[in-house]
Amino acid sequence: TASEPRKADSAQAIVDAMPYMRSFYIIPRHQEWDSVFWEAYQDLLFHGQGTAEELAPETRAELEALLP
């Protein structure tokens, strides 16, 4: 609470909930999906190495292959 005093009233509730916390889970192969999305699409798009229209079709096929 020292770093964020506004959370002082909630601190104990957060600590009490910790045993029940888990990572965000969208799909079973989420980490792989995230890697493909960033490496094959988002990063290239950000660095001007292709347009959305150029990158999306191939990236979409790779991402869909990872879905359950």
N, C-alpha and C. Protein backbone atom coordinates (compact mmCIF):
# COMPACT_ATOMS: atom_id res chain seq x y z
N THR A 1 0.81 -1.20 0.00
CA THR A 1 0.00 0.00 0.00
C THR A 1 0.85 1.26 0.00
N ALA A 2 2.11 1.15 0.33
CA ALA A 2 2.97 2.33 0.33
C ALA A 2 3.11 2.91 -1.08
N SER A 3 3.20 2.05 -2.08
CA SER A 3 3.37 2.54 -3.44
C SER A 3 2.07 3.05 -4.05
N GLU A 4 0.94 2.59 -3.54
CA GLU A 4 -0.36 3.01 -4.07
C GLU A 4 -1.35 3.12 -2.91
N PRO A 5 -1.29 4.23 -2.18
CA PRO A 5 -2.11 4.39 -0.98
C PRO A 5 -3.61 4.27 -1.22
N ARG A 6 -4.08 4.58 -2.42
CA ARG A 6 -5.53 4.49 -2.69
C ARG A 6 -6.03 3.06 -2.61
N LYS A 7 -5.13 2.09 -2.64
CA LYS A 7 -5.54 0.68 -2.58
C LYS A 7 -5.51 0.12 -1.15
N ALA A 8 -5.21 0.94 -0.20
CA ALA A 8 -5.08 0.48 1.19
C ALA A 8 -6.33 -0.25 1.67
N ASP A 9 -7.49 0.27 1.35
CA ASP A 9 -8.73 -0.36 1.80
C ASP A 9 -8.97 -1.71 1.14
N SER A 10 -8.40 -1.94 -0.04
CA SER A 10 -8.60 -3.18 -0.79
C SER A 10 -7.47 -4.19 -0.61
N ALA A 11 -6.39 -3.78 0.00
CA ALA A 11 -5.19 -4.63 0.06
C ALA A 11 -5.47 -6.00 0.65
N GLN A 12 -6.19 -6.08 1.74
CA GLN A 12 -6.43 -7.38 2.38
C GLN A 12 -7.30 -8.27 1.51
N ALA A 13 -8.27 -7.71 0.84
CA ALA A 13 -9.12 -8.50 -0.06
C ALA A 13 -8.30 -9.08 -1.20
N ILE A 14 -7.36 -8.31 -1.71
CA ILE A 14 -6.50 -8.79 -2.79
C ILE A 14 -5.61 -9.92 -2.29
N VAL A 15 -5.02 -9.74 -1.13
CA VAL A 15 -4.17 -10.79 -0.54
C VAL A 15 -4.99 -12.05 -0.29
N ASP A 16 -6.19 -11.91 0.23
CA ASP A 16 -7.04 -13.06 0.51
C ASP A 16 -7.45 -13.81 -0.76
N ALA A 17 -7.56 -13.10 -1.88
CA ALA A 17 -7.98 -13.71 -3.14
C ALA A 17 -6.82 -14.39 -3.88
N MET A 18 -5.59 -14.13 -3.48
CA MET A 18 -4.44 -14.66 -4.21
C MET A 18 -4.45 -16.17 -4.43
N PRO A 19 -4.87 -16.99 -3.47
CA PRO A 19 -4.88 -18.44 -3.73
C PRO A 19 -5.81 -18.85 -4.88
N TYR A 20 -6.74 -18.00 -5.22
CA TYR A 20 -7.73 -18.33 -6.24
C TYR A 20 -7.43 -17.67 -7.59
N MET A 21 -6.39 -16.87 -7.66
CA MET A 21 -6.06 -16.17 -8.90
C MET A 21 -5.42 -17.12 -9.89
N ARG A 22 -5.64 -16.84 -11.16
CA ARG A 22 -5.02 -17.62 -12.22
C ARG A 22 -4.76 -16.69 -13.40
N SER A 23 -3.95 -17.13 -14.30
CA SER A 23 -3.64 -16.30 -15.45
C SER A 23 -4.84 -16.20 -16.37
N PHE A 24 -4.84 -15.16 -17.18
CA PHE A 24 -5.89 -14.94 -18.15
C PHE A 24 -5.83 -16.06 -19.19
N TYR A 25 -6.94 -16.67 -19.47
CA TYR A 25 -6.97 -17.85 -20.33
C TYR A 25 -8.05 -17.69 -21.38
N ILE A 26 -7.65 -17.60 -22.62
CA ILE A 26 -8.62 -17.44 -23.70
C ILE A 26 -8.80 -18.76 -24.44
N ILE A 27 -7.70 -19.30 -24.92
CA ILE A 27 -7.71 -20.55 -25.66
C ILE A 27 -6.57 -21.42 -25.15
N PRO A 28 -6.64 -22.72 -25.32
CA PRO A 28 -5.59 -23.60 -24.80
C PRO A 28 -4.18 -23.25 -25.28
N ARG A 29 -4.05 -22.78 -26.50
CA ARG A 29 -2.72 -22.47 -27.03
C ARG A 29 -2.52 -20.96 -27.15
N HIS A 30 -2.98 -20.23 -26.13
CA HIS A 30 -2.96 -18.78 -26.16
C HIS A 30 -1.55 -18.22 -26.34
N GLN A 31 -0.56 -18.77 -25.69
CA GLN A 31 0.81 -18.25 -25.82
C GLN A 31 1.31 -18.37 -27.26
N GLU A 32 1.02 -19.49 -27.89
CA GLU A 32 1.41 -19.66 -29.29
C GLU A 32 0.65 -18.67 -30.18
N TRP A 33 -0.64 -18.51 -29.93
CA TRP A 33 -1.47 -17.59 -30.69
C TRP A 33 -0.91 -16.18 -30.56
N ASP A 34 -0.58 -15.79 -29.34
CA ASP A 34 -0.04 -14.46 -29.09
C ASP A 34 1.29 -14.25 -29.82
N SER A 35 2.15 -15.25 -29.81
CA SER A 35 3.43 -15.14 -30.50
C SER A 35 3.24 -14.96 -32.00
N VAL A 36 2.37 -15.76 -32.60
CA VAL A 36 2.11 -15.64 -34.04
C VAL A 36 1.53 -14.26 -34.34
N PHE A 37 0.55 -13.83 -33.56
CA PHE A 37 -0.08 -12.53 -33.79
C PHE A 37 0.94 -11.41 -33.79
N TRP A 38 1.82 -11.41 -32.78
CA TRP A 38 2.80 -10.32 -32.69
C TRP A 38 3.92 -10.46 -33.71
N GLU A 39 4.44 -11.65 -33.91
CA GLU A 39 5.59 -11.81 -34.79
C GLU A 39 5.23 -11.77 -36.27
N ALA A 40 4.09 -12.32 -36.64
CA ALA A 40 3.72 -12.41 -38.05
C ALA A 40 2.83 -11.26 -38.51
N TYR A 41 2.29 -10.50 -37.57
CA TYR A 41 1.35 -9.45 -37.97
C TYR A 41 1.66 -8.11 -37.31
N GLN A 42 1.43 -8.02 -36.02
CA GLN A 42 1.49 -6.73 -35.33
C GLN A 42 2.87 -6.07 -35.43
N ASP A 43 3.92 -6.81 -35.18
CA ASP A 43 5.27 -6.24 -35.21
C ASP A 43 5.62 -5.76 -36.62
N LEU A 44 5.29 -6.57 -37.63
CA LEU A 44 5.56 -6.18 -39.01
C LEU A 44 4.76 -4.95 -39.39
N LEU A 45 3.52 -4.90 -38.95
CA LEU A 45 2.65 -3.75 -39.23
C LEU A 45 3.22 -2.49 -38.59
N PHE A 46 3.62 -2.59 -37.32
CA PHE A 46 4.17 -1.43 -36.61
C PHE A 46 5.44 -0.90 -37.27
N HIS A 47 6.22 -1.79 -37.85
CA HIS A 47 7.50 -1.39 -38.44
C HIS A 47 7.41 -1.15 -39.95
N GLY A 48 6.20 -1.04 -40.46
CA GLY A 48 6.00 -0.71 -41.87
C GLY A 48 6.48 -1.76 -42.83
N GLN A 49 6.48 -3.02 -42.39
CA GLN A 49 6.94 -4.11 -43.25
C GLN A 49 5.79 -4.83 -43.94
N GLY A 50 4.69 -4.14 -44.08
CA GLY A 50 3.51 -4.68 -44.74
C GLY A 50 2.29 -3.93 -44.27
N THR A 51 1.22 -4.04 -45.03
CA THR A 51 -0.05 -3.42 -44.64
C THR A 51 -0.94 -4.50 -44.01
N ALA A 52 -1.98 -4.05 -43.37
CA ALA A 52 -2.93 -5.00 -42.78
C ALA A 52 -3.50 -5.92 -43.85
N GLU A 53 -3.79 -5.36 -45.00
CA GLU A 53 -4.36 -6.14 -46.09
C GLU A 53 -3.39 -7.21 -46.59
N GLU A 54 -2.11 -6.90 -46.58
CA GLU A 54 -1.10 -7.86 -47.03
C GLU A 54 -0.82 -8.93 -45.99
N LEU A 55 -0.75 -8.53 -44.74
CA LEU A 55 -0.33 -9.45 -43.68
C LEU A 55 -1.46 -10.32 -43.14
N ALA A 56 -2.67 -9.80 -43.16
CA ALA A 56 -3.80 -10.49 -42.52
C ALA A 56 -4.12 -11.88 -43.07
N PRO A 57 -4.16 -12.08 -44.37
CA PRO A 57 -4.59 -13.40 -44.86
C PRO A 57 -3.71 -14.56 -44.37
N GLU A 58 -2.41 -14.41 -44.47
CA GLU A 58 -1.53 -15.50 -44.02
C GLU A 58 -1.55 -15.64 -42.51
N THR A 59 -1.54 -14.49 -41.83
CA THR A 59 -1.57 -14.53 -40.37
C THR A 59 -2.87 -15.16 -39.87
N ARG A 60 -3.97 -14.82 -40.51
CA ARG A 60 -5.26 -15.39 -40.11
C ARG A 60 -5.24 -16.92 -40.19
N ALA A 61 -4.67 -17.45 -41.27
CA ALA A 61 -4.60 -18.91 -41.43
C ALA A 61 -3.77 -19.53 -40.30
N GLU A 62 -2.66 -18.89 -39.95
CA GLU A 62 -1.83 -19.41 -38.87
C GLU A 62 -2.55 -19.36 -37.53
N LEU A 63 -3.26 -18.26 -37.28
CA LEU A 63 -3.99 -18.11 -36.01
C LEU A 63 -5.15 -19.09 -35.92
N GLU A 64 -5.89 -19.25 -37.00
CA GLU A 64 -7.02 -20.18 -36.97
C GLU A 64 -6.57 -21.61 -36.75
N ALA A 65 -5.38 -21.96 -37.23
CA ALA A 65 -4.85 -23.31 -37.03
C ALA A 65 -4.58 -23.60 -35.56
N LEU A 66 -4.42 -22.56 -34.76
CA LEU A 66 -4.15 -22.74 -33.33
C LEU A 66 -5.41 -22.79 -32.48
N LEU A 67 -6.54 -22.42 -33.06
CA LEU A 67 -7.79 -22.42 -32.29
C LEU A 67 -8.30 -23.84 -32.08
N PRO A 68 -9.00 -24.05 -30.96
CA PRO A 68 -9.54 -25.40 -30.70
C PRO A 68 -10.65 -25.77 -31.66
